[in-house]
């Protein structure tokens, strides 16, 4: 089956981003919101998402940046050969002309009948930079786009939303989510399949199946590119998986932001004093936190409620699991 077939795209789209994001995006598109600002610093992953989203949902996607101009999101073919299209003012005027053309019912119906298109998405990369200049010509064109009543939606991108005082109330802001576990898992196995034959002695497939959950959780909160870099560093340094190396790379990545600080967790379950029955319970039920357990229907406990007489030391008593709550997400212990 071709990699760009509708069924393949639909399956891949299901594992991308989050359901809330896809619902919010769909609501904006169906509501004919003309201007959307999408915050993201994962351009490659975001473009891949829109390629599949447009194909599955019947949208024509057009991609613009100041280097390559305006291209078809699916075929990568230039929409126009004019070098002027690389100018942000020119592409905005092109969008206005396109909207005027599609405002005629006969033209849109023709596009829908011939290509099965329900709407058009213009994805404008790095457009936040032009918004920062507060150029009157830019703002006037932006307002003209915001007044469109057409099947065209303009999605501007940037790492963070840039306020445009005269147009803030005209723009809908939506955040592109960090990669979910399934996306990270796919990236992990892509690396394994790429290098497994180069270092057969490492038995990467077997090692990955054994530590898959731990490897996925180790890079949570990172972008997909950052996660792949952390995995690659472990393989280059150790020719195997090393969680501490991956966490150290994560610490370095977080350090670049200057906003957060990452501390390695050196404490293990063996350092827990007392609570022997609870420790044994956790060791026995470790697999309850795995992907297979979640697919089976087991819920991950959210926390532990320890109940006992004031001043007692639960670690010195015979603690046992009294019951699991009806929702299956709280462990209740009692003396």
Protein backbone atom coordinates (compact mmCIF):
# COMPACT_ATOMS: atom_id res chain seq x y z
CA UNK A 1 0.00 0.00 0.00
CA UNK A 2 1.51 3.43 -0.96
CA UNK A 3 2.81 5.41 2.00
CA UNK A 4 0.68 8.41 1.02
CA UNK A 5 -2.56 6.45 0.54
CA UNK A 6 -5.65 7.65 2.38
CA UNK A 7 -5.77 4.60 4.69
CA UNK A 8 -2.11 4.94 5.65
CA UNK A 9 -2.48 8.68 6.28
CA UNK A 10 -5.59 8.10 8.39
CA UNK A 11 -3.81 5.51 10.53
CA UNK A 12 -0.76 7.73 11.01
CA UNK A 13 -2.91 10.75 11.84
CA UNK A 14 -4.64 8.83 14.63
CA UNK A 15 -1.33 8.49 16.49
CA UNK A 16 -0.24 12.12 16.00
CA UNK A 17 -0.71 15.11 18.31
CA UNK A 18 -3.70 14.85 20.70
CA UNK A 19 -7.42 14.38 20.24
CA UNK A 20 -8.13 17.76 21.88
CA UNK A 21 -5.83 19.54 19.44
CA UNK A 22 -7.40 17.84 16.44
CA UNK A 23 -10.90 18.65 17.69
CA UNK A 24 -10.00 22.32 18.27
CA UNK A 25 -8.36 22.62 14.86
CA UNK A 26 -11.32 21.00 13.14
CA UNK A 27 -13.72 23.34 14.95
CA UNK A 28 -11.76 26.38 13.74
CA UNK A 29 -11.71 25.13 10.16
CA UNK A 30 -15.38 24.17 10.09
CA UNK A 31 -16.24 27.49 11.71
CA UNK A 32 -14.49 29.24 8.79
CA UNK A 33 -12.10 31.15 11.09
CA UNK A 34 -9.93 33.06 8.59
CA UNK A 35 -6.89 33.63 10.84
CA UNK A 36 -5.20 31.14 13.18
CA UNK A 37 -1.86 31.48 14.95
CA UNK A 38 -0.23 28.11 15.67
CA UNK A 39 2.56 28.10 18.27
CA UNK A 40 5.20 25.43 17.68
CA UNK A 41 8.95 24.94 17.48
CA UNK A 42 8.59 21.56 15.73
CA UNK A 43 8.23 22.64 12.13
CA UNK A 44 8.99 19.29 10.49
CA UNK A 45 6.55 17.36 12.66
CA UNK A 46 3.90 20.07 12.31
CA UNK A 47 4.15 20.03 8.50
CA UNK A 48 3.90 16.24 8.50
CA UNK A 49 0.76 16.49 10.63
CA UNK A 50 -0.91 18.97 8.25
CA UNK A 51 0.00 16.85 5.22
CA UNK A 52 -1.93 13.94 6.67
CA UNK A 53 -4.69 16.07 8.17
CA UNK A 54 -5.41 17.77 4.84
CA UNK A 55 -5.49 14.49 2.93
CA UNK A 56 -7.75 12.72 5.44
CA UNK A 57 -10.17 15.63 5.91
CA UNK A 58 -10.35 16.86 2.34
CA UNK A 59 -8.44 20.14 2.56
CA UNK A 60 -6.07 21.59 0.01
CA UNK A 61 -2.87 22.54 1.84
CA UNK A 62 -0.52 25.27 0.64
CA UNK A 63 2.82 25.95 2.34
CA UNK A 64 4.71 29.25 2.26
CA UNK A 65 8.05 30.51 3.53
CA UNK A 66 10.30 33.35 2.45
CA UNK A 67 12.88 30.93 0.98
CA UNK A 68 10.96 28.53 -1.24
CA UNK A 69 7.83 30.59 -1.86
CA UNK A 70 4.39 28.99 -2.14
CA UNK A 71 4.16 25.24 -2.75
CA UNK A 72 1.52 22.53 -2.69
CA UNK A 73 1.72 20.79 0.69
CA UNK A 74 1.10 17.34 -0.75
CA UNK A 75 3.02 17.36 -4.06
CA UNK A 76 5.68 19.96 -3.11
CA UNK A 77 5.16 21.56 -6.54
CA UNK A 78 5.40 25.38 -6.77
CA UNK A 79 2.01 27.07 -7.01
CA UNK A 80 3.51 29.96 -8.94
CA UNK A 81 6.92 30.58 -10.49
CA UNK A 82 6.91 34.28 -9.61
CA UNK A 83 9.88 35.13 -7.35
CA UNK A 84 7.80 37.93 -5.81
CA UNK A 85 5.66 35.34 -4.01
CA UNK A 86 8.47 35.05 -1.43
CA UNK A 87 7.49 38.51 -0.23
CA UNK A 88 5.00 38.30 2.68
CA UNK A 89 2.93 41.18 1.30
CA UNK A 90 2.65 39.46 -2.08
CA UNK A 91 1.54 36.12 -0.63
CA UNK A 92 -1.12 37.89 1.47
CA UNK A 93 -2.43 39.58 -1.67
CA UNK A 94 -2.35 36.20 -3.43
CA UNK A 95 -4.52 34.78 -0.61
CA UNK A 96 -6.98 37.67 -0.95
CA UNK A 97 -7.24 37.13 -4.72
CA UNK A 98 -7.69 33.37 -4.20
CA UNK A 99 -10.43 33.99 -1.64
CA UNK A 100 -12.19 36.37 -4.03
CA UNK A 101 -12.03 33.72 -6.74
CA UNK A 102 -13.42 30.97 -4.47
CA UNK A 103 -16.16 33.26 -3.19
CA UNK A 104 -17.96 32.52 -6.43
CA UNK A 105 -20.06 29.39 -5.73
CA UNK A 106 -19.39 27.95 -9.17
CA UNK A 107 -15.61 28.12 -8.72
CA UNK A 108 -15.63 26.44 -5.31
CA UNK A 109 -18.07 23.78 -6.49
CA UNK A 110 -15.76 23.03 -9.40
CA UNK A 111 -12.82 22.66 -7.03
CA UNK A 112 -14.87 20.42 -4.77
CA UNK A 113 -16.09 18.21 -7.61
CA UNK A 114 -12.70 17.86 -9.31
CA UNK A 115 -10.43 17.52 -6.28
CA UNK A 116 -12.79 16.67 -3.42
CA UNK A 117 -11.72 19.78 -1.53
CA UNK A 118 -13.75 21.02 1.45
CA UNK A 119 -11.55 24.04 2.10
CA UNK A 120 -8.09 25.55 1.66
CA UNK A 121 -5.38 25.92 4.33
CA UNK A 122 -2.51 28.34 3.84
CA UNK A 123 0.34 27.41 6.20
CA UNK A 124 2.62 30.46 6.55
CA UNK A 125 5.91 29.58 8.25
CA UNK A 126 7.71 32.05 10.56
CA UNK A 127 5.03 34.67 9.98
CA UNK A 128 5.44 35.90 13.55
CA UNK A 129 8.57 37.79 12.47
CA UNK A 130 6.59 40.05 10.17
CA UNK A 131 3.99 40.64 12.86
CA UNK A 132 6.75 41.89 15.19
CA UNK A 133 7.55 44.83 12.92
CA UNK A 134 4.13 46.47 13.34
CA UNK A 135 4.17 47.47 9.68
CA UNK A 136 0.93 49.31 8.76
CA UNK A 137 0.86 47.59 5.37
CA UNK A 138 1.16 44.16 7.01
CA UNK A 139 -1.58 44.88 9.55
CA UNK A 140 -3.92 46.26 6.89
CA UNK A 141 -3.56 43.14 4.75
CA UNK A 142 -3.99 40.98 7.84
CA UNK A 143 -7.24 42.74 8.65
CA UNK A 144 -8.40 42.25 5.07
CA UNK A 145 -7.79 38.49 5.42
CA UNK A 146 -9.62 38.45 8.76
CA UNK A 147 -12.69 39.91 7.05
CA UNK A 148 -12.84 37.10 4.50
CA UNK A 149 -15.96 34.99 4.36
CA UNK A 150 -14.60 32.08 2.39
CA UNK A 151 -13.37 28.51 2.60
CA UNK A 152 -9.78 29.71 3.14
CA UNK A 153 -8.05 29.55 6.54
CA UNK A 154 -4.64 31.15 7.05
CA UNK A 155 -2.47 29.44 9.69
CA UNK A 156 0.51 31.53 10.80
CA UNK A 157 3.27 29.79 12.76
CA UNK A 158 5.86 30.81 15.32
CA UNK A 159 7.48 29.50 18.52
CA UNK A 160 5.22 31.76 20.57
CA UNK A 161 2.31 34.06 19.89
CA UNK A 162 3.31 37.59 18.94
CA UNK A 163 0.80 40.19 19.99
CA UNK A 164 -0.54 42.45 17.26
CA UNK A 165 -2.48 45.11 19.19
CA UNK A 166 -4.71 46.15 16.30
CA UNK A 167 -5.45 42.56 15.26
CA UNK A 168 -5.36 40.51 18.48
CA UNK A 169 -9.13 40.12 18.53
CA UNK A 170 -9.06 38.82 14.95
CA UNK A 171 -6.66 35.91 15.52
CA UNK A 172 -7.43 32.54 17.11
CA UNK A 173 -4.42 31.05 18.93
CA UNK A 174 -3.82 27.30 19.22
CA UNK A 175 -0.78 25.39 20.55
CA UNK A 176 0.69 22.44 18.69
CA UNK A 177 1.19 19.76 21.38
CA UNK A 178 4.39 17.95 22.26
CA UNK A 179 4.74 14.46 20.79
CA UNK A 180 2.62 11.83 22.51
CA UNK A 181 3.87 8.44 23.62
CA UNK A 182 2.93 6.76 20.36
CA UNK A 183 4.90 9.29 18.32
CA UNK A 184 7.93 8.86 20.58
CA UNK A 185 7.57 5.08 20.41
CA UNK A 186 7.52 5.21 16.60
CA UNK A 187 10.61 7.43 16.57
CA UNK A 188 12.37 5.03 18.95
CA UNK A 189 11.70 2.02 16.74
CA UNK A 190 12.68 3.97 13.64
CA UNK A 191 16.13 4.46 15.16
CA UNK A 192 16.31 0.80 16.18
CA UNK A 193 15.42 -0.41 12.68
CA UNK A 194 17.97 1.97 11.19
CA UNK A 195 20.96 0.86 13.28
CA UNK A 196 20.19 -2.69 14.45
CA UNK A 197 22.14 -4.31 11.58
CA UNK A 198 25.15 -2.05 12.16
CA UNK A 199 25.60 -3.21 15.77
CA UNK A 200 24.06 -6.71 15.88
CA UNK A 201 25.94 -7.57 19.06
CA UNK A 202 23.86 -4.98 20.95
CA UNK A 203 20.63 -6.94 20.30
CA UNK A 204 18.77 -3.63 20.16
CA UNK A 205 15.39 -5.12 19.26
CA UNK A 206 15.38 -7.34 22.32
CA UNK A 207 16.70 -4.57 24.57
CA UNK A 208 14.12 -2.10 23.25
CA UNK A 209 11.18 -4.46 23.82
CA UNK A 210 12.39 -5.03 27.37
CA UNK A 211 12.85 -1.33 28.23
CA UNK A 212 10.41 0.34 25.84
CA UNK A 213 8.26 2.04 28.48
CA UNK A 214 11.28 3.34 30.38
CA UNK A 215 12.88 4.67 27.19
CA UNK A 216 9.69 6.46 26.14
CA UNK A 217 9.20 8.07 29.55
CA UNK A 218 12.84 9.17 29.70
CA UNK A 219 12.34 11.65 26.84
CA UNK A 220 8.82 12.82 27.69
CA UNK A 221 8.51 16.60 27.43
CA UNK A 222 11.06 16.86 24.61
CA UNK A 223 10.37 17.53 20.96
CA UNK A 224 10.62 14.60 18.57
CA UNK A 225 13.97 15.82 17.20
CA UNK A 226 15.34 16.24 20.72
CA UNK A 227 14.13 12.76 21.70
CA UNK A 228 15.82 11.23 18.66
CA UNK A 229 19.05 13.09 19.52
CA UNK A 230 18.98 11.70 23.06
CA UNK A 231 18.46 8.15 21.78
CA UNK A 232 21.21 8.55 19.20
CA UNK A 233 23.65 9.81 21.83
CA UNK A 234 23.06 6.70 23.94
CA UNK A 235 23.74 4.41 20.98
CA UNK A 236 26.84 6.33 19.84
CA UNK A 237 28.39 6.42 23.33
CA UNK A 238 27.43 2.96 24.57
CA UNK A 239 26.26 1.02 21.50
CA UNK A 240 23.29 0.17 23.69
CA UNK A 241 20.53 1.87 25.70
CA UNK A 242 21.73 3.83 28.71
CA UNK A 243 19.00 5.70 30.57
CA UNK A 244 21.42 7.97 32.42
CA UNK A 245 22.96 9.14 29.14
CA UNK A 246 19.50 9.90 27.76
CA UNK A 247 18.55 11.81 30.91
CA UNK A 248 21.79 13.78 30.80
CA UNK A 249 21.03 14.83 27.22
CA UNK A 250 17.54 15.81 28.38
CA UNK A 251 19.09 17.92 31.14
CA UNK A 252 21.30 19.72 28.62
CA UNK A 253 18.34 20.41 26.33
CA UNK A 254 16.23 21.79 29.19
CA UNK A 255 19.17 23.93 30.30
CA UNK A 256 19.13 25.80 26.96
CA UNK A 257 15.74 27.31 27.72
CA UNK A 258 16.99 29.02 30.88
CA UNK A 259 13.52 28.63 32.38
CA UNK A 260 13.75 25.19 33.99
CA UNK A 261 16.39 23.10 35.67
CA UNK A 262 16.49 19.32 35.46
CA UNK A 263 17.60 17.19 38.42
CA UNK A 264 18.51 13.56 37.97
CA UNK A 265 16.61 11.22 40.23
CA UNK A 266 19.22 9.13 42.05
CA UNK A 267 16.80 7.57 44.52
CA UNK A 268 15.48 4.11 43.72
CA UNK A 269 12.80 1.97 45.29
CA UNK A 270 15.55 0.21 47.24
CA UNK A 271 16.11 3.44 49.20
CA UNK A 272 12.55 3.42 50.57
CA UNK A 273 12.59 2.70 54.30
CA UNK A 274 9.89 0.41 55.63
CA UNK A 275 6.62 0.00 53.76
CA UNK A 276 7.81 -3.47 52.78
CA UNK A 277 4.43 -4.76 51.73
CA UNK A 278 3.83 -1.71 49.55
CA UNK A 279 7.28 -2.02 47.93
CA UNK A 280 6.63 -5.70 47.20
CA UNK A 281 3.21 -4.82 45.79
CA UNK A 282 4.76 -2.24 43.43
CA UNK A 283 7.46 -4.66 42.28
CA UNK A 284 4.91 -7.36 41.55
CA UNK A 285 2.63 -5.01 39.70
CA UNK A 286 5.22 -3.07 37.72
CA UNK A 287 3.73 -4.26 34.46
CA UNK A 288 0.44 -2.58 35.38
CA UNK A 289 2.09 0.69 34.29
CA UNK A 290 2.96 -0.61 30.81
CA UNK A 291 1.32 0.11 27.46
CA UNK A 292 -0.01 -3.47 27.30
CA UNK A 293 -1.76 -3.01 30.65
CA UNK A 294 -3.42 0.21 29.47
CA UNK A 295 -4.57 -1.46 26.24
CA UNK A 296 -5.98 -4.30 28.33
CA UNK A 297 -8.00 -1.76 30.31
CA UNK A 298 -6.03 -1.41 33.55
CA UNK A 299 -5.81 2.16 34.83
CA UNK A 300 -2.60 3.58 36.24
CA UNK A 301 -2.97 4.43 39.98
CA UNK A 302 -2.80 8.18 40.53
CA UNK A 303 -1.54 8.01 44.09
CA UNK A 304 -1.51 6.27 47.44
CA UNK A 305 -3.62 7.02 50.48
CA UNK A 306 -2.05 5.64 53.68
CA UNK A 307 -4.46 5.41 56.63
CA UNK A 308 -3.37 4.73 60.19
CA UNK A 309 -3.44 5.98 63.77
CA UNK A 310 -1.81 9.42 64.27
CA UNK A 311 1.88 9.02 65.06
CA UNK A 312 2.10 5.40 63.95
CA UNK A 313 4.92 4.22 61.71
CA UNK A 314 3.32 2.41 58.84
CA UNK A 315 6.64 0.92 57.82
CA UNK A 316 6.75 -1.07 61.07
CA UNK A 317 3.26 -2.49 60.67
CA UNK A 318 1.81 -5.11 58.44
CA UNK A 319 0.36 -2.91 55.71
CA UNK A 320 -1.83 -4.53 53.15
CA UNK A 321 -3.90 -3.27 50.25
CA UNK A 322 -7.38 -3.00 51.63
CA UNK A 323 -9.08 -2.18 48.35
CA UNK A 324 -8.78 -0.44 45.03
CA UNK A 325 -11.22 2.42 44.52
CA UNK A 326 -14.12 1.99 42.12
CA UNK A 327 -12.30 4.07 39.48
CA UNK A 328 -9.23 1.92 39.84
CA UNK A 329 -6.86 4.86 40.20
CA UNK A 330 -6.15 5.02 43.93
CA UNK A 331 -4.44 2.47 46.17
CA UNK A 332 -5.90 2.61 49.70
CA UNK A 333 -3.74 1.16 52.47
CA UNK A 334 -4.59 0.52 56.10
CA UNK A 335 -2.90 -0.95 59.15
